[in-house]
Amino acid sequence: MDDGATIPAVSVTGMDGSPIRLTDLPLPAVIYFYPKDDTAGCTREAQDFSVLSADFAAAGATVVGISKDPPSAHAKFAAKHALTVTLASDEDGAACEAFGVWGEKQMYGRTYMGIERATFLFGRDGRLVRAWRKVKVPGHAQAVLDAVRAL
């Protein structure tokens, strides 16, 4: 996905089972993809975005975290860690494919398919302002907030 691209017209599922059409998100919008609920890096990332959720809201930005975990897993994950960020499920992989974050990964010498940790910032006009690929979690949520504030 290149700068200037529009939000793909795909839907994901909220923790309550309701559909979330990404093109209907209030703008600006931060859409971040993460591999799996309740793993160390994904927990830290969701906690970091949650700690800053009031700051994102004050800047007028919507934040949605997406993985392929089912809505019930998201609900347990959010409750366990007191997360305030919106989490959504992409069980069919349509959003992952549309954003180009589904691909081959390697860990401990094993190759498998999975979600690349990535974040996308869409401006008030619905166009991609910035993409962060292969995200390193420490400091990332703050960097995204800084970019939102710079819009």
Protein backbone atom coordinates (compact mmCIF):
# COMPACT_ATOMS: atom_id res chain seq x y z
CA MET A 1 0.00 0.00 0.00
CA ASP A 2 1.52 3.29 -1.15
CA ASP A 3 1.17 6.79 0.27
CA GLY A 4 -2.00 8.39 -1.08
CA ALA A 5 -3.88 5.08 -1.29
CA THR A 6 -7.40 5.05 0.13
CA ILE A 7 -8.65 2.78 2.90
CA PRO A 8 -9.56 -0.59 1.37
CA ALA A 9 -13.30 -1.32 1.31
CA VAL A 10 -13.16 -4.36 3.58
CA SER A 11 -14.93 -5.21 6.82
CA VAL A 12 -13.62 -6.73 10.03
CA THR A 13 -15.53 -7.94 13.09
CA GLY A 14 -15.61 -6.08 16.39
CA MET A 15 -15.26 -7.80 19.77
CA ASP A 16 -19.06 -7.75 20.11
CA GLY A 17 -19.48 -9.53 16.76
CA SER A 18 -20.62 -6.45 14.86
CA PRO A 19 -19.11 -5.65 11.45
CA ILE A 20 -16.73 -2.71 11.16
CA ARG A 21 -16.38 -1.37 7.63
CA LEU A 22 -12.94 0.25 7.50
CA THR A 23 -14.08 2.90 5.01
CA ASP A 24 -16.67 4.03 7.60
CA LEU A 25 -14.10 4.75 10.33
CA PRO A 26 -13.97 8.36 11.53
CA LEU A 27 -10.87 10.08 10.17
CA PRO A 28 -8.01 10.40 10.75
CA ALA A 29 -7.65 6.66 11.39
CA VAL A 30 -4.83 4.51 12.68
CA ILE A 31 -5.17 0.87 11.65
CA TYR A 32 -2.58 -1.46 13.09
CA PHE A 33 -2.11 -5.15 12.42
CA TYR A 34 -0.60 -7.54 14.93
CA PRO A 35 0.06 -11.30 14.85
CA LYS A 36 -1.72 -12.76 17.90
CA ASP A 37 -3.63 -11.84 21.04
CA ASP A 38 -1.93 -12.32 24.40
CA THR A 39 1.63 -12.75 23.13
CA ALA A 40 4.37 -10.57 24.60
CA GLY A 41 4.87 -8.07 21.74
CA CYS A 42 1.20 -7.85 20.83
CA THR A 43 0.18 -7.31 24.45
CA ARG A 44 2.75 -4.54 24.88
CA GLU A 45 1.63 -2.87 21.63
CA ALA A 46 -2.07 -2.98 22.61
CA GLN A 47 -1.23 -1.68 26.10
CA ASP A 48 0.82 1.18 24.61
CA PHE A 49 -2.01 2.21 22.26
CA SER A 50 -4.49 1.88 25.15
CA VAL A 51 -2.42 4.12 27.46
CA LEU A 52 -2.45 6.76 24.72
CA SER A 53 -6.08 6.24 23.65
CA ALA A 54 -7.27 9.50 25.26
CA ASP A 55 -4.46 11.37 23.47
CA PHE A 56 -5.44 9.82 20.12
CA ALA A 57 -9.08 10.78 20.79
CA ALA A 58 -8.05 14.33 21.72
CA ALA A 59 -6.21 14.52 18.40
CA GLY A 60 -9.40 13.34 16.68
CA ALA A 61 -7.99 9.96 15.62
CA THR A 62 -9.65 6.55 15.64
CA VAL A 63 -7.40 3.58 16.47
CA VAL A 64 -8.22 -0.02 15.52
CA GLY A 65 -5.99 -3.05 16.11
CA ILE A 66 -6.58 -6.04 13.81
CA SER A 67 -5.50 -9.68 13.97
CA LYS A 68 -6.98 -12.96 12.76
CA ASP A 69 -7.98 -13.99 16.29
CA PRO A 70 -11.76 -14.44 16.76
CA PRO A 71 -13.85 -11.76 18.49
CA SER A 72 -14.15 -13.91 21.65
CA ALA A 73 -10.34 -14.05 21.95
CA HIS A 74 -10.15 -10.27 21.52
CA ALA A 75 -12.71 -9.80 24.30
CA LYS A 76 -10.73 -12.03 26.69
CA PHE A 77 -7.46 -10.31 25.71
CA ALA A 78 -8.96 -6.85 26.28
CA ALA A 79 -10.47 -7.81 29.63
CA LYS A 80 -7.31 -9.53 30.87
CA HIS A 81 -5.10 -6.50 30.15
CA ALA A 82 -7.68 -3.69 30.65
CA LEU A 83 -7.24 -2.61 27.02
CA THR A 84 -9.16 0.43 25.81
CA VAL A 85 -8.13 0.29 22.17
CA THR A 86 -10.66 -1.11 19.68
CA LEU A 87 -9.71 -4.61 18.54
CA ALA A 88 -11.16 -6.27 15.47
CA SER A 89 -11.03 -9.70 13.91
CA ASP A 90 -10.03 -10.49 10.33
CA GLU A 91 -10.73 -14.22 10.42
CA ASP A 92 -11.15 -14.52 6.64
CA GLY A 93 -7.95 -12.53 5.99
CA ALA A 94 -9.56 -10.00 3.61
CA ALA A 95 -8.14 -6.98 5.46
CA CYS A 96 -4.70 -8.59 5.80
CA GLU A 97 -4.63 -9.24 2.06
CA ALA A 98 -5.92 -5.75 1.19
CA PHE A 99 -3.22 -4.11 3.33
CA GLY A 100 -0.50 -6.53 2.19
CA VAL A 101 0.40 -7.69 5.70
CA TRP A 102 -0.17 -11.44 5.27
CA GLY A 103 2.94 -13.30 4.24
CA GLU A 104 5.74 -15.69 4.96
CA LYS A 105 7.50 -15.29 8.29
CA GLN A 106 10.34 -17.09 10.03
CA MET A 107 10.90 -17.84 13.70
CA TYR A 108 13.28 -20.29 15.31
CA GLY A 109 14.21 -21.66 11.90
CA ARG A 110 10.59 -22.41 11.04
CA THR A 111 8.80 -20.81 8.08
CA TYR A 112 5.07 -20.13 8.31
CA MET A 113 2.38 -17.73 7.11
CA GLY A 114 1.41 -14.90 9.42
CA ILE A 115 0.62 -11.23 9.94
CA GLU A 116 3.39 -8.68 9.64
CA ARG A 117 3.24 -6.15 12.49
CA ALA A 118 2.37 -2.96 10.61
CA THR A 119 0.54 0.33 11.17
CA PHE A 120 -1.23 2.60 8.69
CA LEU A 121 -2.21 6.23 9.26
CA PHE A 122 -4.99 7.63 7.07
CA GLY A 123 -5.51 11.40 7.06
CA ARG A 124 -8.71 13.41 7.20
CA ASP A 125 -9.18 12.89 3.45
CA GLY A 126 -9.08 9.09 3.85
CA ARG A 127 -5.73 8.75 2.09
CA LEU A 128 -2.69 6.94 3.44
CA VAL A 129 -0.32 9.43 5.03
CA ARG A 130 2.21 7.00 6.46
CA ALA A 131 2.82 3.28 6.81
CA TRP A 132 5.08 1.64 9.36
CA ARG A 133 6.20 -1.85 8.31
CA LYS A 134 7.96 -4.49 10.42
CA VAL A 135 7.15 -2.46 13.53
CA LYS A 136 9.32 -2.66 16.63
CA VAL A 137 6.94 -2.16 19.57
CA PRO A 138 8.90 0.03 22.05
CA GLY A 139 8.00 3.66 21.39
CA HIS A 140 5.85 2.85 18.35
CA ALA A 141 2.46 4.03 19.68
CA GLN A 142 3.99 7.36 20.70
CA ALA A 143 5.58 7.77 17.24
CA VAL A 144 2.17 7.16 15.64
CA LEU A 145 0.54 9.68 17.99
CA ASP A 146 3.21 12.23 17.07
CA ALA A 147 2.43 11.65 13.37
CA VAL A 148 -1.31 12.09 14.03
CA ARG A 149 -0.66 15.35 15.85
CA ALA A 150 1.44 16.56 12.90
CA LEU A 151 -1.49 16.21 10.47
